[in-house]
Amino acid sequence: MARVERSDVIEVRVPPRDVDRHGQMFIASYISQAETALSNFWRTRPLVDDEPIYIAKKASCSLHRALHYDDLARFSVSVNKIGGKSIGFMVAVETGNELAAEVEILWMAVRGDEHDPVSLPEDTRDWLYKYLA
């Protein structure tokens, strides 16, 4: 269903399960597909010893133009914030030459059962700067 072009970009044809009774893509589906693109992107990061886990703290979608069944959508991941303990991602959703939506996702680096926030590893931080928008 999803075609991978680069590690930070996927293309998807909108499936029938992702549209409402009016034929428009659900907001949750934009976020879900953006998370798929982000997961693909994240797999290319440098591996670090004792890496923290990353949990989503925020996800939001700004809709500019609704996608419909069978539209070809391109999800492009960029980094829009590198904090001491968090990473902000922006996923642009385009169809043709038109911006359809923007999905913002914020991750927090944590450790332990209590999910205590921890600093981002230096190697991870250096890698993220290559994608800072």
C-alpha atoms as a PDB file:
ATOM      1  CA  MET A   1       0.000   0.000   0.000  1.00  0.00           C
ATOM      2  CA  ALA A   2       2.793   2.438   0.862  1.00  0.00           C
ATOM      3  CA  ARG A   3       5.692   2.949  -1.502  1.00  0.00           C
ATOM      4  CA  VAL A   4       9.023   4.028  -0.037  1.00  0.00           C
ATOM      5  CA  GLU A   5      10.992   6.547  -2.078  1.00  0.00           C
ATOM      6  CA  ARG A   6      13.511   7.807   0.500  1.00  0.00           C
ATOM      7  CA  SER A   7      13.757   7.185   4.213  1.00  0.00           C
ATOM      8  CA  ASP A   8      12.001  10.491   4.937  1.00  0.00           C
ATOM      9  CA  VAL A   9       9.265  10.156   2.263  1.00  0.00           C
ATOM     10  CA  ILE A  10       6.497   7.637   1.579  1.00  0.00           C
ATOM     11  CA  GLU A  11       3.713   7.692  -0.993  1.00  0.00           C
ATOM     12  CA  VAL A  12       0.311   6.205  -0.264  1.00  0.00           C
ATOM     13  CA  ARG A  13      -2.899   5.774  -2.247  1.00  0.00           C
ATOM     14  CA  VAL A  14      -5.780   6.625   0.070  1.00  0.00           C
ATOM     15  CA  PRO A  15      -7.612   3.334   0.783  1.00  0.00           C
ATOM     16  CA  PRO A  16     -11.400   3.140   1.129  1.00  0.00           C
ATOM     17  CA  ARG A  17     -11.129   2.376   4.883  1.00  0.00           C
ATOM     18  CA  ASP A  18      -9.559   5.819   5.452  1.00  0.00           C
ATOM     19  CA  VAL A  19     -12.438   7.904   4.087  1.00  0.00           C
ATOM     20  CA  ASP A  20     -15.681   8.992   5.722  1.00  0.00           C
ATOM     21  CA  ARG A  21     -19.181   8.817   4.248  1.00  0.00           C
ATOM     22  CA  HIS A  22     -18.552  12.100   2.445  1.00  0.00           C
ATOM     23  CA  GLY A  23     -15.476  10.679   0.729  1.00  0.00           C
ATOM     24  CA  GLN A  24     -12.903  12.676   2.717  1.00  0.00           C
ATOM     25  CA  MET A  25      -9.946  11.154   4.528  1.00  0.00           C
ATOM     26  CA  PHE A  26     -10.335  10.924   8.322  1.00  0.00           C
ATOM     27  CA  ILE A  27      -8.041  13.246  10.323  1.00  0.00           C
ATOM     28  CA  ALA A  28      -6.870  10.214  12.326  1.00  0.00           C
ATOM     29  CA  SER A  29      -5.754   8.580   9.065  1.00  0.00           C
ATOM     30  CA  TYR A  30      -3.462  11.518   8.262  1.00  0.00           C
ATOM     31  CA  ILE A  31      -1.857  11.071  11.685  1.00  0.00           C
ATOM     32  CA  SER A  32      -1.629   7.291  11.298  1.00  0.00           C
ATOM     33  CA  GLN A  33       0.039   7.534   7.886  1.00  0.00           C
ATOM     34  CA  ALA A  34       2.368  10.260   9.202  1.00  0.00           C
ATOM     35  CA  GLU A  35       3.387   7.926  12.034  1.00  0.00           C
ATOM     36  CA  THR A  36       4.130   5.225   9.442  1.00  0.00           C
ATOM     37  CA  ALA A  37       6.342   7.677   7.533  1.00  0.00           C
ATOM     38  CA  LEU A  38       8.039   8.704  10.785  1.00  0.00           C
ATOM     39  CA  SER A  39       8.639   5.069  11.753  1.00  0.00           C
ATOM     40  CA  ASN A  40      10.280   4.422   8.380  1.00  0.00           C
ATOM     41  CA  PHE A  41      12.429   7.529   8.795  1.00  0.00           C
ATOM     42  CA  TRP A  42      13.400   6.604  12.389  1.00  0.00           C
ATOM     43  CA  ARG A  43      14.750   3.195  11.330  1.00  0.00           C
ATOM     44  CA  THR A  44      17.636   4.953   9.551  1.00  0.00           C
ATOM     45  CA  ARG A  45      18.960   6.681  12.692  1.00  0.00           C
ATOM     46  CA  PRO A  46      22.382   5.723  14.044  1.00  0.00           C
ATOM     47  CA  LEU A  47      22.220   3.038  16.704  1.00  0.00           C
ATOM     48  CA  VAL A  48      23.468   4.179  20.091  1.00  0.00           C
ATOM     49  CA  ASP A  49      24.286   2.258  23.267  1.00  0.00           C
ATOM     50  CA  ASP A  50      21.685   2.456  26.019  1.00  0.00           C
ATOM     51  CA  GLU A  51      19.251   4.350  23.792  1.00  0.00           C
ATOM     52  CA  PRO A  52      16.211   5.794  25.572  1.00  0.00           C
ATOM     53  CA  ILE A  53      12.726   4.960  24.405  1.00  0.00           C
ATOM     54  CA  TYR A  54      10.695   7.646  22.674  1.00  0.00           C
ATOM     55  CA  ILE A  55       7.052   8.224  23.458  1.00  0.00           C
ATOM     56  CA  ALA A  56       4.585  10.442  21.640  1.00  0.00           C
ATOM     57  CA  LYS A  57       3.521  13.423  23.729  1.00  0.00           C
ATOM     58  CA  LYS A  58       1.541  15.282  21.072  1.00  0.00           C
ATOM     59  CA  ALA A  59       0.085  14.745  17.612  1.00  0.00           C
ATOM     60  CA  SER A  60      -1.956  17.259  15.665  1.00  0.00           C
ATOM     61  CA  CYS A  61      -3.098  17.718  12.084  1.00  0.00           C
ATOM     62  CA  SER A  62      -3.778  20.916  10.164  1.00  0.00           C
ATOM     63  CA  LEU A  63      -5.903  20.196   7.115  1.00  0.00           C
ATOM     64  CA  HIS A  64      -5.489  22.417   4.050  1.00  0.00           C
ATOM     65  CA  ARG A  65      -7.228  20.321   1.386  1.00  0.00           C
ATOM     66  CA  ALA A  66      -9.061  17.069   2.044  1.00  0.00           C
ATOM     67  CA  LEU A  67      -7.758  13.912   0.422  1.00  0.00           C
ATOM     68  CA  HIS A  68     -10.201  11.441  -1.099  1.00  0.00           C
ATOM     69  CA  TYR A  69     -10.280   7.735  -1.921  1.00  0.00           C
ATOM     70  CA  ASP A  70      -7.490   6.729  -4.343  1.00  0.00           C
ATOM     71  CA  ASP A  71      -5.687  10.105  -4.148  1.00  0.00           C
ATOM     72  CA  LEU A  72      -1.923   9.686  -4.213  1.00  0.00           C
ATOM     73  CA  ALA A  73      -0.469  11.308  -1.091  1.00  0.00           C
ATOM     74  CA  ARG A  74       3.182  11.986  -0.364  1.00  0.00           C
ATOM     75  CA  PHE A  75       4.210  12.120   3.329  1.00  0.00           C
ATOM     76  CA  SER A  76       7.545  13.929   3.860  1.00  0.00           C
ATOM     77  CA  VAL A  77       9.173  13.940   7.298  1.00  0.00           C
ATOM     78  CA  SER A  78      11.283  16.807   8.580  1.00  0.00           C
ATOM     79  CA  VAL A  79      12.527  17.754  12.028  1.00  0.00           C
ATOM     80  CA  ASN A  80      11.167  21.063  13.291  1.00  0.00           C
ATOM     81  CA  LYS A  81      12.481  21.055  16.870  1.00  0.00           C
ATOM     82  CA  ILE A  82      15.394  19.444  18.661  1.00  0.00           C
ATOM     83  CA  GLY A  83      15.119  20.007  22.386  1.00  0.00           C
ATOM     84  CA  GLY A  84      17.245  18.697  25.201  1.00  0.00           C
ATOM     85  CA  LYS A  85      14.844  15.812  25.829  1.00  0.00           C
ATOM     86  CA  SER A  86      12.341  16.022  22.988  1.00  0.00           C
ATOM     87  CA  ILE A  87      12.091  15.963  19.203  1.00  0.00           C
ATOM     88  CA  GLY A  88       9.452  17.705  17.118  1.00  0.00           C
ATOM     89  CA  PHE A  89       8.608  16.360  13.678  1.00  0.00           C
ATOM     90  CA  MET A  90       6.571  17.943  10.891  1.00  0.00           C
ATOM     91  CA  VAL A  91       5.134  15.658   8.243  1.00  0.00           C
ATOM     92  CA  ALA A  92       3.974  17.468   5.111  1.00  0.00           C
ATOM     93  CA  VAL A  93       1.206  15.713   3.202  1.00  0.00           C
ATOM     94  CA  GLU A  94       1.089  16.617  -0.473  1.00  0.00           C
ATOM     95  CA  THR A  95      -0.987  15.524  -3.416  1.00  0.00           C
ATOM     96  CA  GLY A  96       0.334  16.609  -6.787  1.00  0.00           C
ATOM     97  CA  ASN A  97       1.901  20.021  -6.172  1.00  0.00           C
ATOM     98  CA  GLU A  98      -0.597  20.910  -3.468  1.00  0.00           C
ATOM     99  CA  LEU A  99      -0.144  20.844   0.321  1.00  0.00           C
ATOM    100  CA  ALA A 100      -3.054  18.821   1.727  1.00  0.00           C
ATOM    101  CA  ALA A 101      -2.122  18.708   5.411  1.00  0.00           C
ATOM    102  CA  GLU A 102       0.625  19.091   7.985  1.00  0.00           C
ATOM    103  CA  VAL A 103       0.977  16.648  10.860  1.00  0.00           C
ATOM    104  CA  GLU A 104       3.009  17.685  13.883  1.00  0.00           C
ATOM    105  CA  ILE A 105       4.316  14.974  16.213  1.00  0.00           C
ATOM    106  CA  LEU A 106       6.308  15.545  19.414  1.00  0.00           C
ATOM    107  CA  TRP A 107       8.380  12.741  20.967  1.00  0.00           C
ATOM    108  CA  MET A 108       9.952  12.689  24.427  1.00  0.00           C
ATOM    109  CA  ALA A 109      13.051  10.616  25.279  1.00  0.00           C
ATOM    110  CA  VAL A 110      12.393   8.628  28.467  1.00  0.00           C
ATOM    111  CA  ARG A 111      13.708   5.790  30.637  1.00  0.00           C
ATOM    112  CA  GLY A 112      12.262   3.482  33.273  1.00  0.00           C
ATOM    113  CA  ASP A 113       8.799   2.441  34.292  1.00  0.00           C
ATOM    114  CA  GLU A 114       7.919   5.988  35.265  1.00  0.00           C
ATOM    115  CA  HIS A 115       9.023   7.308  31.844  1.00  0.00           C
ATOM    116  CA  ASP A 116      11.410   9.828  33.345  1.00  0.00           C
ATOM    117  CA  PRO A 117      12.557  12.326  30.676  1.00  0.00           C
ATOM    118  CA  VAL A 118      16.226  12.003  29.686  1.00  0.00           C
ATOM    119  CA  SER A 119      18.597  13.839  27.361  1.00  0.00           C
ATOM    120  CA  LEU A 120      18.758  12.922  23.694  1.00  0.00           C
ATOM    121  CA  PRO A 121      21.900  10.946  22.803  1.00  0.00           C
ATOM    122  CA  GLU A 122      24.525  13.121  21.098  1.00  0.00           C
ATOM    123  CA  ASP A 123      24.759  10.847  18.012  1.00  0.00           C
ATOM    124  CA  THR A 124      20.990  10.968  17.591  1.00  0.00           C
ATOM    125  CA  ARG A 125      20.975  14.747  17.988  1.00  0.00           C
ATOM    126  CA  ASP A 126      23.729  15.145  15.365  1.00  0.00           C
ATOM    127  CA  TRP A 127      21.806  12.924  12.922  1.00  0.00           C
ATOM    128  CA  LEU A 128      18.570  14.869  13.468  1.00  0.00           C
ATOM    129  CA  TYR A 129      20.227  18.184  12.576  1.00  0.00           C
ATOM    130  CA  LYS A 130      20.555  16.946   8.967  1.00  0.00           C
ATOM    131  CA  TYR A 131      16.734  17.000   8.728  1.00  0.00           C
ATOM    132  CA  LEU A 132      16.035  20.208  10.624  1.00  0.00           C
ATOM    133  CA  ALA A 133      13.651  22.361   8.595  1.00  0.00           C
END
